[in-house]
Amino acid sequence: MVVDDRDRGGLMRTFEALLGLPGNLLHEVPDTANRSLTRAETEMLRNLDVEFRGNELPDELYSQLVRYGAVLHMKNACAPGPRDVKIRARRACGRWATPASSPPSRRLRRGRFAERRRRNS
């Protein structure tokens, strides 16, 4: 899934559609940035991840410090400048941009999410 920073509700609508949820069920969390990480931020997190996993630290600590600490801080406290390199999606990703036409979404609909939806009906 590719996040489009110009469409703040797009990610939630996509998840609603993939999971068969009613529209407008999911809402964005106020005061959080809806942006992708820059290449430098991603590379820093990748290196941090290697060190974290290499030292066999617990997953709970990783979640607390990295997911809910460093990443949120970077996204909310730092604004990328015009010289920061953004990670661009490949051109091939564009053909799968709509959830209904993407092979991964078709697999999701046929898989356990579709099964759960049938059981709850």
Foldseek 3Di string as FASTA:
>chain_A
DDDDLVDVCVVVQLVCVLLVHDPPPDDDDPQFADDDDFPVLVVVVVVVVCVCVVVVDDPVVCCVPPVVNVVRCCRRVPDDDPPTHHDDDDPVVVVPPDLVPHPVSVCSCVDDSVVVVVVVD
